[in-house]
Amino acid sequence: MTFIKELEAAFLEKKNVENAIPMEKYMKNHFVFLGIKTEERRTILKTILLKNKEEIKDNSRKIALELFSKKEREFHYCAIEILIKSLKKNYIKNDIQLIKKLLITNSWWDSVDTISKYILGEYLLQFSEESNTVVDQFSNSDNMWLNRSALLFQLGYKIKTNADILFSECTKHSNSNEFFIQKAIGWSLREYGKTNPQAIKTFFSKTKLKRLSEKEALKNIC
């Protein structure tokens, strides 16, 4: 594809080994980086997107999957950003399979959190009738990152938050010893607390959470 070839060429031209070392260290050396910082990466991506608008419009899902198959983390970020823009309010029901694949591929908090909020979250706003089915599937999975996504997908919902799902998921995973789950519980509750602090207080009056989850959740609750 023209778009991917042009993106690869532009990224390789801007490769910076010196930058890559701390970037890889920050991600616990789970991924290889080209060393292109966020602002520069987005500038390059925007330029090449504008040159290949029709190709992106017609093939965004395929392009994202191909980018996600590459080893360098910058390509994964581009894949996510492309889908956030191209699929917003244009999801099809079968996109849940694409979303699941992205969540369990090259998984780490940086990709999973962004996909959860801006892609899975938008998908379930468009297909709200699928929420219980999707959340049950992800929450009951043996994959911790799918569990985390079921906790975080409502981060931007505010008054649209389905509190029953939120509190049910937090309770379900309340005994988890997994750091990323404990943090997700606290984060999701803290965000909803900005909209409905009384609901969070009521939840805590009835529910015992791990210390980390509680600390995260109650940061802004008086």
C-alpha atoms as a PDB file:
ATOM      1  CA  MET A   1       0.000   0.000   0.000  1.00  0.00           C
ATOM      2  CA  THR A   2       1.264   3.464  -0.903  1.00  0.00           C
ATOM      3  CA  PHE A   3       0.412   4.938   2.475  1.00  0.00           C
ATOM      4  CA  ILE A   4       2.355   2.352   4.476  1.00  0.00           C
ATOM      5  CA  LYS A   5       5.377   2.546   2.172  1.00  0.00           C
ATOM      6  CA  GLU A   6       5.491   6.319   2.482  1.00  0.00           C
ATOM      7  CA  LEU A   7       5.051   6.162   6.250  1.00  0.00           C
ATOM      8  CA  GLU A   8       7.833   3.595   6.604  1.00  0.00           C
ATOM      9  CA  ALA A   9      10.191   5.684   4.477  1.00  0.00           C
ATOM     10  CA  ALA A  10       9.445   8.853   6.437  1.00  0.00           C
ATOM     11  CA  PHE A  11       9.869   7.134   9.794  1.00  0.00           C
ATOM     12  CA  LEU A  12      13.139   5.472   8.821  1.00  0.00           C
ATOM     13  CA  GLU A  13      14.460   8.847   7.702  1.00  0.00           C
ATOM     14  CA  LYS A  14      13.674  10.288  11.138  1.00  0.00           C
ATOM     15  CA  LYS A  15      14.931   7.294  13.117  1.00  0.00           C
ATOM     16  CA  ASN A  16      16.817   8.390  16.221  1.00  0.00           C
ATOM     17  CA  VAL A  17      18.659   5.687  18.148  1.00  0.00           C
ATOM     18  CA  GLU A  18      19.511   8.084  20.953  1.00  0.00           C
ATOM     19  CA  ASN A  19      15.813   8.821  21.561  1.00  0.00           C
ATOM     20  CA  ALA A  20      14.849   5.178  21.183  1.00  0.00           C
ATOM     21  CA  ILE A  21      16.847   3.986  24.195  1.00  0.00           C
ATOM     22  CA  PRO A  22      14.870   5.870  26.910  1.00  0.00           C
ATOM     23  CA  MET A  23      11.589   5.270  25.055  1.00  0.00           C
ATOM     24  CA  GLU A  24      12.194   1.523  25.099  1.00  0.00           C
ATOM     25  CA  LYS A  25      13.258   1.660  28.734  1.00  0.00           C
ATOM     26  CA  TYR A  26      10.064   3.516  29.667  1.00  0.00           C
ATOM     27  CA  MET A  27       8.068   0.668  28.126  1.00  0.00           C
ATOM     28  CA  LYS A  28      10.128  -1.904  30.076  1.00  0.00           C
ATOM     29  CA  ASN A  29      11.824  -2.948  26.821  1.00  0.00           C
ATOM     30  CA  HIS A  30       8.693  -4.716  25.622  1.00  0.00           C
ATOM     31  CA  PHE A  31       8.934  -2.971  22.235  1.00  0.00           C
ATOM     32  CA  VAL A  32      11.417  -1.680  19.703  1.00  0.00           C
ATOM     33  CA  PHE A  33      11.222   2.065  19.037  1.00  0.00           C
ATOM     34  CA  LEU A  34      12.463   4.106  16.114  1.00  0.00           C
ATOM     35  CA  GLY A  35      13.000   6.994  18.487  1.00  0.00           C
ATOM     36  CA  ILE A  36      10.441   9.389  16.963  1.00  0.00           C
ATOM     37  CA  LYS A  37       8.792  11.515  19.628  1.00  0.00           C
ATOM     38  CA  THR A  38       5.032  11.951  19.732  1.00  0.00           C
ATOM     39  CA  GLU A  39       4.736  15.443  18.229  1.00  0.00           C
ATOM     40  CA  GLU A  40       7.052  14.655  15.326  1.00  0.00           C
ATOM     41  CA  ARG A  41       5.403  11.283  14.732  1.00  0.00           C
ATOM     42  CA  ARG A  42       1.967  12.869  14.529  1.00  0.00           C
ATOM     43  CA  THR A  43       3.204  15.581  12.186  1.00  0.00           C
ATOM     44  CA  ILE A  44       4.652  12.977   9.826  1.00  0.00           C
ATOM     45  CA  LEU A  45       1.495  10.874  10.019  1.00  0.00           C
ATOM     46  CA  LYS A  46      -0.768  13.845   9.324  1.00  0.00           C
ATOM     47  CA  THR A  47       1.201  14.817   6.233  1.00  0.00           C
ATOM     48  CA  ILE A  48       1.101  11.337   4.747  1.00  0.00           C
ATOM     49  CA  LEU A  49      -2.546  10.855   5.673  1.00  0.00           C
ATOM     50  CA  LEU A  50      -3.480  13.954   3.710  1.00  0.00           C
ATOM     51  CA  LYS A  51      -1.682  12.600   0.655  1.00  0.00           C
ATOM     52  CA  ASN A  52      -3.479   9.257   0.878  1.00  0.00           C
ATOM     53  CA  LYS A  53      -6.965  10.170   2.109  1.00  0.00           C
ATOM     54  CA  GLU A  54      -8.870   7.882  -0.231  1.00  0.00           C
ATOM     55  CA  GLU A  55      -6.677   4.880   0.480  1.00  0.00           C
ATOM     56  CA  ILE A  56      -7.124   5.390   4.217  1.00  0.00           C
ATOM     57  CA  LYS A  57     -10.865   5.896   3.885  1.00  0.00           C
ATOM     58  CA  ASP A  58     -11.298   2.638   1.963  1.00  0.00           C
ATOM     59  CA  ASN A  59      -8.774   0.491   3.831  1.00  0.00           C
ATOM     60  CA  SER A  60      -8.353   1.842   7.361  1.00  0.00           C
ATOM     61  CA  ARG A  61      -8.955  -1.508   9.086  1.00  0.00           C
ATOM     62  CA  LYS A  62      -6.542  -3.404   6.854  1.00  0.00           C
ATOM     63  CA  ILE A  63      -3.922  -0.683   7.140  1.00  0.00           C
ATOM     64  CA  ALA A  64      -4.217  -0.637  10.928  1.00  0.00           C
ATOM     65  CA  LEU A  65      -3.723  -4.387  11.174  1.00  0.00           C
ATOM     66  CA  GLU A  66      -0.673  -4.246   8.931  1.00  0.00           C
ATOM     67  CA  LEU A  67       0.823  -1.437  10.975  1.00  0.00           C
ATOM     68  CA  PHE A  68       0.132  -3.361  14.154  1.00  0.00           C
ATOM     69  CA  SER A  69       2.042  -6.347  12.808  1.00  0.00           C
ATOM     70  CA  LYS A  70       5.263  -4.318  12.600  1.00  0.00           C
ATOM     71  CA  LYS A  71       7.749  -4.494  15.451  1.00  0.00           C
ATOM     72  CA  GLU A  72       8.342  -0.774  15.982  1.00  0.00           C
ATOM     73  CA  ARG A  73       5.979   0.793  18.497  1.00  0.00           C
ATOM     74  CA  GLU A  74       5.477   4.027  16.528  1.00  0.00           C
ATOM     75  CA  PHE A  75       3.582   2.073  13.861  1.00  0.00           C
ATOM     76  CA  HIS A  76       1.207   0.693  16.493  1.00  0.00           C
ATOM     77  CA  TYR A  77       0.455   4.208  17.706  1.00  0.00           C
ATOM     78  CA  CYS A  78      -0.286   5.296  14.142  1.00  0.00           C
ATOM     79  CA  ALA A  79      -2.645   2.363  13.642  1.00  0.00           C
ATOM     80  CA  ILE A  80      -4.636   3.332  16.719  1.00  0.00           C
ATOM     81  CA  GLU A  81      -4.797   7.007  15.763  1.00  0.00           C
ATOM     82  CA  ILE A  82      -5.970   6.159  12.253  1.00  0.00           C
ATOM     83  CA  LEU A  83      -8.812   4.018  13.571  1.00  0.00           C
ATOM     84  CA  ILE A  84      -9.872   6.575  16.166  1.00  0.00           C
ATOM     85  CA  LYS A  85     -10.421   9.117  13.384  1.00  0.00           C
ATOM     86  CA  SER A  86     -11.671   6.919  10.558  1.00  0.00           C
ATOM     87  CA  LEU A  87     -14.113   4.736  12.495  1.00  0.00           C
ATOM     88  CA  LYS A  88     -15.707   7.307  14.807  1.00  0.00           C
ATOM     89  CA  LYS A  89     -19.473   6.918  14.389  1.00  0.00           C
ATOM     90  CA  ASN A  90     -18.767   4.620  11.431  1.00  0.00           C
ATOM     91  CA  TYR A  91     -18.281   1.313  13.206  1.00  0.00           C
ATOM     92  CA  ILE A  92     -19.865  -1.899  12.001  1.00  0.00           C
ATOM     93  CA  LYS A  93     -20.866  -4.594  14.465  1.00  0.00           C
ATOM     94  CA  ASN A  94     -18.126  -6.957  13.376  1.00  0.00           C
ATOM     95  CA  ASP A  95     -15.523  -4.371  14.334  1.00  0.00           C
ATOM     96  CA  ILE A  96     -15.540  -5.879  17.807  1.00  0.00           C
ATOM     97  CA  GLN A  97     -13.351  -8.649  16.395  1.00  0.00           C
ATOM     98  CA  LEU A  98     -10.857  -6.066  15.135  1.00  0.00           C
ATOM     99  CA  ILE A  99     -10.920  -4.285  18.480  1.00  0.00           C
ATOM    100  CA  LYS A 100     -10.327  -7.506  20.380  1.00  0.00           C
ATOM    101  CA  LYS A 101      -7.394  -8.384  18.130  1.00  0.00           C
ATOM    102  CA  LEU A 102      -5.800  -4.991  18.713  1.00  0.00           C
ATOM    103  CA  LEU A 103      -6.250  -5.294  22.467  1.00  0.00           C
ATOM    104  CA  ILE A 104      -4.502  -8.652  22.668  1.00  0.00           C
ATOM    105  CA  THR A 105      -1.739  -7.905  20.138  1.00  0.00           C
ATOM    106  CA  ASN A 106       1.426  -6.110  21.248  1.00  0.00           C
ATOM    107  CA  SER A 107      -0.400  -5.403  24.490  1.00  0.00           C
ATOM    108  CA  TRP A 108       0.786  -2.929  27.072  1.00  0.00           C
ATOM    109  CA  TRP A 109      -0.904  -0.195  29.040  1.00  0.00           C
ATOM    110  CA  ASP A 110      -0.197   2.546  26.494  1.00  0.00           C
ATOM    111  CA  SER A 111      -2.004   0.839  23.620  1.00  0.00           C
ATOM    112  CA  VAL A 112      -4.690  -0.923  25.654  1.00  0.00           C
ATOM    113  CA  ASP A 113      -5.778   2.196  27.511  1.00  0.00           C
ATOM    114  CA  THR A 114      -6.085   4.261  24.335  1.00  0.00           C
ATOM    115  CA  ILE A 115      -7.946   1.516  22.466  1.00  0.00           C
ATOM    116  CA  SER A 116     -10.249   0.949  25.439  1.00  0.00           C
ATOM    117  CA  LYS A 117     -11.293   4.575  25.795  1.00  0.00           C
ATOM    118  CA  TYR A 118     -11.284   5.854  22.232  1.00  0.00           C
ATOM    119  CA  ILE A 119     -12.117   2.780  20.153  1.00  0.00           C
ATOM    120  CA  LEU A 120     -13.908   0.194  22.306  1.00  0.00           C
ATOM    121  CA  GLY A 121     -15.656   3.006  24.158  1.00  0.00           C
ATOM    122  CA  GLU A 122     -16.851   4.649  20.942  1.00  0.00           C
ATOM    123  CA  TYR A 123     -17.900   1.299  19.496  1.00  0.00           C
ATOM    124  CA  LEU A 124     -20.077   0.560  22.539  1.00  0.00           C
ATOM    125  CA  LEU A 125     -21.623   4.022  22.410  1.00  0.00           C
ATOM    126  CA  GLN A 126     -22.679   3.305  18.837  1.00  0.00           C
ATOM    127  CA  PHE A 127     -23.807  -0.238  19.636  1.00  0.00           C
ATOM    128  CA  SER A 128     -24.898   0.162  23.244  1.00  0.00           C
ATOM    129  CA  GLU A 129     -27.067  -2.945  22.983  1.00  0.00           C
ATOM    130  CA  GLU A 130     -23.852  -4.956  22.690  1.00  0.00           C
ATOM    131  CA  SER A 131     -22.366  -3.604  25.924  1.00  0.00           C
ATOM    132  CA  ASN A 132     -23.334  -6.420  28.268  1.00  0.00           C
ATOM    133  CA  THR A 133     -22.296  -9.121  25.802  1.00  0.00           C
ATOM    134  CA  VAL A 134     -18.922  -7.544  25.038  1.00  0.00           C
ATOM    135  CA  VAL A 135     -18.146  -6.684  28.644  1.00  0.00           C
ATOM    136  CA  ASP A 136     -19.013 -10.197  29.802  1.00  0.00           C
ATOM    137  CA  GLN A 137     -16.789 -11.720  27.134  1.00  0.00           C
ATOM    138  CA  PHE A 138     -13.833  -9.454  27.865  1.00  0.00           C
ATOM    139  CA  SER A 139     -14.267  -9.536  31.628  1.00  0.00           C
ATOM    140  CA  ASN A 140     -14.396 -13.336  31.753  1.00  0.00           C
ATOM    141  CA  SER A 141     -11.382 -13.758  29.496  1.00  0.00           C
ATOM    142  CA  ASP A 142      -8.102 -15.198  30.730  1.00  0.00           C
ATOM    143  CA  ASN A 143      -6.424 -12.240  29.034  1.00  0.00           C
ATOM    144  CA  MET A 144      -5.719  -9.558  31.627  1.00  0.00           C
ATOM    145  CA  TRP A 145      -5.711  -6.776  29.031  1.00  0.00           C
ATOM    146  CA  LEU A 146      -9.249  -7.631  27.946  1.00  0.00           C
ATOM    147  CA  ASN A 147     -10.240  -7.547  31.613  1.00  0.00           C
ATOM    148  CA  ARG A 148      -8.671  -4.089  31.907  1.00  0.00           C
ATOM    149  CA  SER A 149     -10.482  -2.851  28.796  1.00  0.00           C
ATOM    150  CA  ALA A 150     -13.825  -3.867  30.308  1.00  0.00           C
ATOM    151  CA  LEU A 151     -13.010  -1.641  33.271  1.00  0.00           C
ATOM    152  CA  LEU A 152     -11.776   1.343  31.276  1.00  0.00           C
ATOM    153  CA  PHE A 153     -13.958   1.649  28.179  1.00  0.00           C
ATOM    154  CA  GLN A 154     -16.335   4.123  29.877  1.00  0.00           C
ATOM    155  CA  LEU A 155     -13.603   6.584  30.878  1.00  0.00           C
ATOM    156  CA  GLY A 156     -14.956   9.341  28.640  1.00  0.00           C
ATOM    157  CA  TYR A 157     -18.648   8.614  29.154  1.00  0.00           C
ATOM    158  CA  LYS A 158     -19.353  10.972  32.085  1.00  0.00           C
ATOM    159  CA  ILE A 159     -23.176  11.157  32.436  1.00  0.00           C
ATOM    160  CA  LYS A 160     -23.524   8.387  29.853  1.00  0.00           C
ATOM    161  CA  THR A 161     -21.720   5.969  32.148  1.00  0.00           C
ATOM    162  CA  ASN A 162     -23.574   2.724  32.814  1.00  0.00           C
ATOM    163  CA  ALA A 163     -22.959   2.651  36.559  1.00  0.00           C
ATOM    164  CA  ASP A 164     -24.323  -0.869  36.906  1.00  0.00           C
ATOM    165  CA  ILE A 165     -21.652  -2.185  34.542  1.00  0.00           C
ATOM    166  CA  LEU A 166     -18.932  -0.053  36.130  1.00  0.00           C
ATOM    167  CA  PHE A 167     -19.644  -1.114  39.697  1.00  0.00           C
ATOM    168  CA  SER A 168     -20.246  -4.722  38.727  1.00  0.00           C
ATOM    169  CA  GLU A 169     -16.872  -4.920  36.975  1.00  0.00           C
ATOM    170  CA  CYS A 170     -15.050  -3.240  39.832  1.00  0.00           C
ATOM    171  CA  THR A 171     -16.615  -5.615  42.330  1.00  0.00           C
ATOM    172  CA  LYS A 172     -15.939  -8.648  40.166  1.00  0.00           C
ATOM    173  CA  HIS A 173     -12.222  -7.896  39.943  1.00  0.00           C
ATOM    174  CA  SER A 174     -11.866  -6.379  43.409  1.00  0.00           C
ATOM    175  CA  ASN A 175      -9.724  -9.240  44.717  1.00  0.00           C
ATOM    176  CA  SER A 176      -7.322  -9.266  41.792  1.00  0.00           C
ATOM    177  CA  ASN A 177      -3.653  -9.115  42.705  1.00  0.00           C
ATOM    178  CA  GLU A 178      -2.789  -7.820  39.231  1.00  0.00           C
ATOM    179  CA  PHE A 179      -1.355  -4.297  39.391  1.00  0.00           C
ATOM    180  CA  PHE A 180      -2.913  -3.217  36.092  1.00  0.00           C
ATOM    181  CA  ILE A 181      -6.359  -4.368  37.211  1.00  0.00           C
ATOM    182  CA  GLN A 182      -6.145  -2.669  40.585  1.00  0.00           C
ATOM    183  CA  LYS A 183      -5.079   0.568  38.897  1.00  0.00           C
ATOM    184  CA  ALA A 184      -7.857   0.286  36.307  1.00  0.00           C
ATOM    185  CA  ILE A 185     -10.492  -0.131  39.005  1.00  0.00           C
ATOM    186  CA  GLY A 186      -9.267   2.963  40.800  1.00  0.00           C
ATOM    187  CA  TRP A 187      -8.976   5.004  37.620  1.00  0.00           C
ATOM    188  CA  SER A 188     -12.442   4.112  36.347  1.00  0.00           C
ATOM    189  CA  LEU A 189     -14.045   4.947  39.700  1.00  0.00           C
ATOM    190  CA  ARG A 190     -12.099   8.206  40.017  1.00  0.00           C
ATOM    191  CA  GLU A 191     -13.244   9.349  36.588  1.00  0.00           C
ATOM    192  CA  TYR A 192     -16.888   8.560  37.295  1.00  0.00           C
ATOM    193  CA  GLY A 193     -16.504  10.305  40.647  1.00  0.00           C
ATOM    194  CA  LYS A 194     -15.959  13.569  38.779  1.00  0.00           C
ATOM    195  CA  THR A 195     -19.518  13.205  37.458  1.00  0.00           C
ATOM    196  CA  ASN A 196     -21.210  11.455  40.378  1.00  0.00           C
ATOM    197  CA  PRO A 197     -19.134  11.599  43.585  1.00  0.00           C
ATOM    198  CA  GLN A 198     -22.037  10.476  45.752  1.00  0.00           C
ATOM    199  CA  ALA A 199     -22.360   7.244  43.781  1.00  0.00           C
ATOM    200  CA  ILE A 200     -18.686   6.521  44.439  1.00  0.00           C
ATOM    201  CA  LYS A 201     -19.097   7.191  48.160  1.00  0.00           C
ATOM    202  CA  THR A 202     -22.091   4.881  48.271  1.00  0.00           C
ATOM    203  CA  PHE A 203     -20.180   2.196  46.403  1.00  0.00           C
ATOM    204  CA  PHE A 204     -17.300   2.386  48.876  1.00  0.00           C
ATOM    205  CA  SER A 205     -19.664   2.148  51.808  1.00  0.00           C
ATOM    206  CA  LYS A 206     -20.671  -1.292  50.550  1.00  0.00           C
ATOM    207  CA  THR A 207     -17.552  -2.566  48.803  1.00  0.00           C
ATOM    208  CA  LYS A 208     -14.033  -3.421  49.957  1.00  0.00           C
ATOM    209  CA  LEU A 209     -11.288  -2.886  47.391  1.00  0.00           C
ATOM    210  CA  LYS A 210      -7.551  -3.428  47.347  1.00  0.00           C
ATOM    211  CA  ARG A 211      -5.609  -0.533  48.841  1.00  0.00           C
ATOM    212  CA  LEU A 212      -4.193   0.595  45.487  1.00  0.00           C
ATOM    213  CA  SER A 213      -7.666   0.683  43.886  1.00  0.00           C
ATOM    214  CA  GLU A 214      -9.080   2.605  46.822  1.00  0.00           C
ATOM    215  CA  LYS A 215      -6.238   5.103  46.841  1.00  0.00           C
ATOM    216  CA  GLU A 216      -6.605   5.758  43.102  1.00  0.00           C
ATOM    217  CA  ALA A 217     -10.393   6.039  43.266  1.00  0.00           C
ATOM    218  CA  LEU A 218     -10.592   8.454  46.159  1.00  0.00           C
ATOM    219  CA  LYS A 219      -7.915  10.936  45.098  1.00  0.00           C
ATOM    220  CA  ASN A 220     -10.440  13.668  44.318  1.00  0.00           C
ATOM    221  CA  ILE A 221     -13.326  12.578  46.549  1.00  0.00           C
ATOM    222  CA  CYS A 222     -13.747  14.549  49.772  1.00  0.00           C
END
